[in-house]
Amino acid sequence: MNAIDPQAQIQAIIDAHSGLPGAMLPILHGLQDALGHIPETAIPLIAKALNVSRAEVHGVVSFYHHFRTEPSGRRIVEVCRAESCQAMGAAKLEAHAKAILGTDWHGTSPDGAFTLEPVYCLGQCACSPAIRIGDEVHGRVSCERFDEIIADARSEA
């Protein structure tokens, strides 16, 4: 089975979106969806296709926290840092998550299973503190419940 050339894949995504109005965000989302991050090698290709500077592309990538320039873990764990969650113990949960996963914010666990990201509201204020793994939101997450959720996520991977 032939592996897809990453540069060809990057160029195909750029070509598919470059004609759209406001094409930069659709291109960046397309790259992140397909590759899990925005490779550094894509920056000059995007700049050329959109007739903007590399600095402009880099500025957009670095402005939006959603975009990553390094590959993520197989699962993204987001811990809510909004006021309601903070009032209900999110700081303790954050410290626990960092210790259990062995990484800081925006880092990936040593086994490559999880990337830990802060998020600033999951809309679960009545069920604080909250986390999201992939598309699944969990409310009223204690340190013990976090461990259970992570164990379940590991077994699903």
C-alpha atoms as a PDB file:
ATOM      1  CA  MET A   1       0.000   0.000   0.000  1.00  0.00           C
ATOM      2  CA  ASN A   2       1.457   3.379  -1.007  1.00  0.00           C
ATOM      3  CA  ALA A   3       1.571   6.079   1.612  1.00  0.00           C
ATOM      4  CA  ILE A   4       0.129   9.448   0.621  1.00  0.00           C
ATOM      5  CA  ASP A   5       2.840  12.041   0.069  1.00  0.00           C
ATOM      6  CA  PRO A   6       2.293  14.651   2.815  1.00  0.00           C
ATOM      7  CA  GLN A   7       3.313  17.536   0.553  1.00  0.00           C
ATOM      8  CA  ALA A   8       0.868  16.374  -2.125  1.00  0.00           C
ATOM      9  CA  GLN A   9      -1.865  16.104   0.500  1.00  0.00           C
ATOM     10  CA  ILE A  10      -1.091  19.624   1.749  1.00  0.00           C
ATOM     11  CA  GLN A  11      -1.190  21.001  -1.783  1.00  0.00           C
ATOM     12  CA  ALA A  12      -4.463  19.207  -2.564  1.00  0.00           C
ATOM     13  CA  ILE A  13      -6.110  20.757   0.510  1.00  0.00           C
ATOM     14  CA  ILE A  14      -4.810  24.210  -0.404  1.00  0.00           C
ATOM     15  CA  ASP A  15      -6.019  23.803  -4.000  1.00  0.00           C
ATOM     16  CA  ALA A  16      -9.454  22.636  -2.846  1.00  0.00           C
ATOM     17  CA  HIS A  17     -10.011  25.748  -0.707  1.00  0.00           C
ATOM     18  CA  SER A  18      -7.880  28.550  -2.174  1.00  0.00           C
ATOM     19  CA  GLY A  19     -10.659  29.861  -4.420  1.00  0.00           C
ATOM     20  CA  LEU A  20     -13.053  30.429  -1.537  1.00  0.00           C
ATOM     21  CA  PRO A  21     -13.608  33.890  -0.074  1.00  0.00           C
ATOM     22  CA  GLY A  22     -11.641  34.044   3.180  1.00  0.00           C
ATOM     23  CA  ALA A  23      -9.798  30.880   2.169  1.00  0.00           C
ATOM     24  CA  MET A  24      -7.136  30.891   4.870  1.00  0.00           C
ATOM     25  CA  LEU A  25      -9.296  29.508   7.678  1.00  0.00           C
ATOM     26  CA  PRO A  26     -10.874  26.767   5.529  1.00  0.00           C
ATOM     27  CA  ILE A  27      -7.378  25.747   4.374  1.00  0.00           C
ATOM     28  CA  LEU A  28      -6.038  25.680   7.941  1.00  0.00           C
ATOM     29  CA  HIS A  29      -9.045  23.713   9.198  1.00  0.00           C
ATOM     30  CA  GLY A  30      -8.694  21.298   6.280  1.00  0.00           C
ATOM     31  CA  LEU A  31      -5.031  20.713   7.060  1.00  0.00           C
ATOM     32  CA  GLN A  32      -5.619  20.237  10.759  1.00  0.00           C
ATOM     33  CA  ASP A  33      -8.540  17.873  10.118  1.00  0.00           C
ATOM     34  CA  ALA A  34      -6.511  15.788   7.676  1.00  0.00           C
ATOM     35  CA  LEU A  35      -3.090  15.869   9.350  1.00  0.00           C
ATOM     36  CA  GLY A  36      -3.864  16.657  12.979  1.00  0.00           C
ATOM     37  CA  HIS A  37      -1.744  19.806  12.840  1.00  0.00           C
ATOM     38  CA  ILE A  38      -0.489  22.558  10.533  1.00  0.00           C
ATOM     39  CA  PRO A  39       2.962  21.464   9.331  1.00  0.00           C
ATOM     40  CA  GLU A  40       5.584  24.202   9.067  1.00  0.00           C
ATOM     41  CA  THR A  41       6.092  23.183   5.432  1.00  0.00           C
ATOM     42  CA  ALA A  42       2.506  24.235   4.666  1.00  0.00           C
ATOM     43  CA  ILE A  43       3.030  27.883   5.658  1.00  0.00           C
ATOM     44  CA  PRO A  44       4.906  29.011   2.510  1.00  0.00           C
ATOM     45  CA  LEU A  45       2.544  27.031   0.280  1.00  0.00           C
ATOM     46  CA  ILE A  46      -0.505  28.706   1.828  1.00  0.00           C
ATOM     47  CA  ALA A  47       1.152  32.129   1.587  1.00  0.00           C
ATOM     48  CA  LYS A  48       1.925  31.637  -2.094  1.00  0.00           C
ATOM     49  CA  ALA A  49      -1.555  30.321  -2.929  1.00  0.00           C
ATOM     50  CA  LEU A  50      -3.281  33.231  -1.182  1.00  0.00           C
ATOM     51  CA  ASN A  51      -0.737  35.886  -2.187  1.00  0.00           C
ATOM     52  CA  VAL A  52      -0.037  36.852   1.428  1.00  0.00           C
ATOM     53  CA  SER A  53       3.140  36.850   3.467  1.00  0.00           C
ATOM     54  CA  ARG A  54       4.327  33.882   5.496  1.00  0.00           C
ATOM     55  CA  ALA A  55       4.067  36.126   8.545  1.00  0.00           C
ATOM     56  CA  GLU A  56       0.341  36.637   7.883  1.00  0.00           C
ATOM     57  CA  VAL A  57      -0.248  32.885   7.714  1.00  0.00           C
ATOM     58  CA  HIS A  58       1.838  32.291  10.828  1.00  0.00           C
ATOM     59  CA  GLY A  59      -0.074  35.088  12.590  1.00  0.00           C
ATOM     60  CA  VAL A  60      -3.398  33.385  11.943  1.00  0.00           C
ATOM     61  CA  VAL A  61      -2.085  29.963  12.994  1.00  0.00           C
ATOM     62  CA  SER A  62      -0.615  31.331  16.219  1.00  0.00           C
ATOM     63  CA  PHE A  63      -3.644  33.521  17.028  1.00  0.00           C
ATOM     64  CA  TYR A  64      -6.171  30.687  17.106  1.00  0.00           C
ATOM     65  CA  HIS A  65      -5.524  28.225  19.931  1.00  0.00           C
ATOM     66  CA  HIS A  66      -7.378  25.528  17.991  1.00  0.00           C
ATOM     67  CA  PHE A  67      -4.533  25.213  15.490  1.00  0.00           C
ATOM     68  CA  ARG A  68      -1.511  23.101  16.387  1.00  0.00           C
ATOM     69  CA  THR A  69       1.887  23.170  14.716  1.00  0.00           C
ATOM     70  CA  GLU A  70       2.922  19.820  16.183  1.00  0.00           C
ATOM     71  CA  PRO A  71       1.058  16.500  15.949  1.00  0.00           C
ATOM     72  CA  SER A  72      -1.358  15.889  18.799  1.00  0.00           C
ATOM     73  CA  GLY A  73      -2.018  12.758  20.782  1.00  0.00           C
ATOM     74  CA  ARG A  74      -4.605  10.293  19.564  1.00  0.00           C
ATOM     75  CA  ARG A  75      -7.228  11.962  21.801  1.00  0.00           C
ATOM     76  CA  ILE A  76      -7.583  15.605  22.863  1.00  0.00           C
ATOM     77  CA  VAL A  77      -8.483  16.162  26.525  1.00  0.00           C
ATOM     78  CA  GLU A  78      -9.864  19.632  27.173  1.00  0.00           C
ATOM     79  CA  VAL A  79     -10.315  20.911  30.714  1.00  0.00           C
ATOM     80  CA  CYS A  80     -12.636  23.877  31.156  1.00  0.00           C
ATOM     81  CA  ARG A  81     -10.982  26.895  32.758  1.00  0.00           C
ATOM     82  CA  ALA A  82     -14.007  29.225  32.808  1.00  0.00           C
ATOM     83  CA  GLU A  83     -15.111  30.942  36.002  1.00  0.00           C
ATOM     84  CA  SER A  84     -17.831  28.466  36.955  1.00  0.00           C
ATOM     85  CA  CYS A  85     -15.501  25.495  36.627  1.00  0.00           C
ATOM     86  CA  GLN A  86     -12.770  27.358  38.530  1.00  0.00           C
ATOM     87  CA  ALA A  87     -15.242  28.051  41.343  1.00  0.00           C
ATOM     88  CA  MET A  88     -16.080  24.342  41.509  1.00  0.00           C
ATOM     89  CA  GLY A  89     -12.540  22.973  41.721  1.00  0.00           C
ATOM     90  CA  ALA A  90     -11.098  23.040  38.213  1.00  0.00           C
ATOM     91  CA  ALA A  91      -7.672  24.158  39.478  1.00  0.00           C
ATOM     92  CA  LYS A  92      -7.329  20.935  41.442  1.00  0.00           C
ATOM     93  CA  LEU A  93      -8.600  18.966  38.430  1.00  0.00           C
ATOM     94  CA  GLU A  94      -6.112  20.740  36.132  1.00  0.00           C
ATOM     95  CA  ALA A  95      -3.190  19.834  38.387  1.00  0.00           C
ATOM     96  CA  HIS A  96      -4.419  16.248  38.612  1.00  0.00           C
ATOM     97  CA  ALA A  97      -4.864  15.975  34.829  1.00  0.00           C
ATOM     98  CA  LYS A  98      -1.342  17.278  34.233  1.00  0.00           C
ATOM     99  CA  ALA A  99       0.092  14.786  36.734  1.00  0.00           C
ATOM    100  CA  ILE A 100      -1.882  11.792  35.436  1.00  0.00           C
ATOM    101  CA  LEU A 101      -1.186  12.545  31.775  1.00  0.00           C
ATOM    102  CA  GLY A 102       2.425  13.527  32.427  1.00  0.00           C
ATOM    103  CA  THR A 103       2.246  16.771  30.469  1.00  0.00           C
ATOM    104  CA  ASP A 104       1.422  20.447  30.708  1.00  0.00           C
ATOM    105  CA  TRP A 105      -1.080  22.440  28.641  1.00  0.00           C
ATOM    106  CA  HIS A 106      -0.676  21.914  24.884  1.00  0.00           C
ATOM    107  CA  GLY A 107       1.539  18.890  25.534  1.00  0.00           C
ATOM    108  CA  THR A 108       1.103  15.244  24.738  1.00  0.00           C
ATOM    109  CA  SER A 109       1.356  12.353  27.170  1.00  0.00           C
ATOM    110  CA  PRO A 110       4.579  10.317  26.871  1.00  0.00           C
ATOM    111  CA  ASP A 111       2.660   7.403  25.328  1.00  0.00           C
ATOM    112  CA  GLY A 112       1.173   9.669  22.631  1.00  0.00           C
ATOM    113  CA  ALA A 113      -2.373   8.854  23.735  1.00  0.00           C
ATOM    114  CA  PHE A 114      -3.561  12.279  24.955  1.00  0.00           C
ATOM    115  CA  THR A 115      -2.938  15.947  24.319  1.00  0.00           C
ATOM    116  CA  LEU A 116      -4.034  18.244  27.146  1.00  0.00           C
ATOM    117  CA  GLU A 117      -5.677  21.528  26.174  1.00  0.00           C
ATOM    118  CA  PRO A 118      -7.318  24.297  28.172  1.00  0.00           C
ATOM    119  CA  VAL A 119     -10.733  25.438  26.986  1.00  0.00           C
ATOM    120  CA  TYR A 120     -12.626  28.482  28.158  1.00  0.00           C
ATOM    121  CA  CYS A 121     -16.174  27.229  28.355  1.00  0.00           C
ATOM    122  CA  LEU A 122     -17.855  23.974  27.509  1.00  0.00           C
ATOM    123  CA  GLY A 123     -21.313  25.307  28.313  1.00  0.00           C
ATOM    124  CA  GLN A 124     -21.623  23.008  31.322  1.00  0.00           C
ATOM    125  CA  CYS A 125     -21.672  25.631  34.063  1.00  0.00           C
ATOM    126  CA  ALA A 126     -24.364  23.809  36.034  1.00  0.00           C
ATOM    127  CA  CYS A 127     -22.210  20.667  35.968  1.00  0.00           C
ATOM    128  CA  SER A 128     -18.803  22.152  36.776  1.00  0.00           C
ATOM    129  CA  PRO A 129     -16.007  21.241  36.516  1.00  0.00           C
ATOM    130  CA  ALA A 130     -16.203  19.873  32.998  1.00  0.00           C
ATOM    131  CA  ILE A 131     -13.906  18.206  30.494  1.00  0.00           C
ATOM    132  CA  ARG A 132     -14.265  17.112  26.878  1.00  0.00           C
ATOM    133  CA  ILE A 133     -12.518  14.216  25.177  1.00  0.00           C
ATOM    134  CA  GLY A 134     -13.142  14.308  21.465  1.00  0.00           C
ATOM    135  CA  ASP A 135     -16.827  15.138  21.077  1.00  0.00           C
ATOM    136  CA  GLU A 136     -17.858  13.780  24.482  1.00  0.00           C
ATOM    137  CA  VAL A 137     -18.400  16.267  27.311  1.00  0.00           C
ATOM    138  CA  HIS A 138     -18.261  15.138  30.944  1.00  0.00           C
ATOM    139  CA  GLY A 139     -19.592  17.220  33.838  1.00  0.00           C
ATOM    140  CA  ARG A 140     -19.012  17.147  37.600  1.00  0.00           C
ATOM    141  CA  VAL A 141     -15.570  15.668  37.035  1.00  0.00           C
ATOM    142  CA  SER A 142     -13.658  14.919  40.213  1.00  0.00           C
ATOM    143  CA  CYS A 143     -10.073  13.693  40.164  1.00  0.00           C
ATOM    144  CA  GLU A 144     -11.338  10.141  40.675  1.00  0.00           C
ATOM    145  CA  ARG A 145     -13.858  10.469  37.851  1.00  0.00           C
ATOM    146  CA  PHE A 146     -11.144  11.915  35.608  1.00  0.00           C
ATOM    147  CA  ASP A 147      -9.077   8.763  36.184  1.00  0.00           C
ATOM    148  CA  GLU A 148     -12.067   6.584  35.236  1.00  0.00           C
ATOM    149  CA  ILE A 149     -12.771   8.610  32.086  1.00  0.00           C
ATOM    150  CA  ILE A 150      -9.127   8.428  31.010  1.00  0.00           C
ATOM    151  CA  ALA A 151      -9.011   4.670  31.672  1.00  0.00           C
ATOM    152  CA  ASP A 152     -12.125   4.212  29.527  1.00  0.00           C
ATOM    153  CA  ALA A 153     -10.646   6.375  26.756  1.00  0.00           C
ATOM    154  CA  ARG A 154      -7.418   4.354  26.813  1.00  0.00           C
ATOM    155  CA  SER A 155      -9.374   1.112  26.448  1.00  0.00           C
ATOM    156  CA  GLU A 156     -11.316   2.515  23.473  1.00  0.00           C
ATOM    157  CA  ALA A 157      -8.199   3.626  21.598  1.00  0.00           C
END
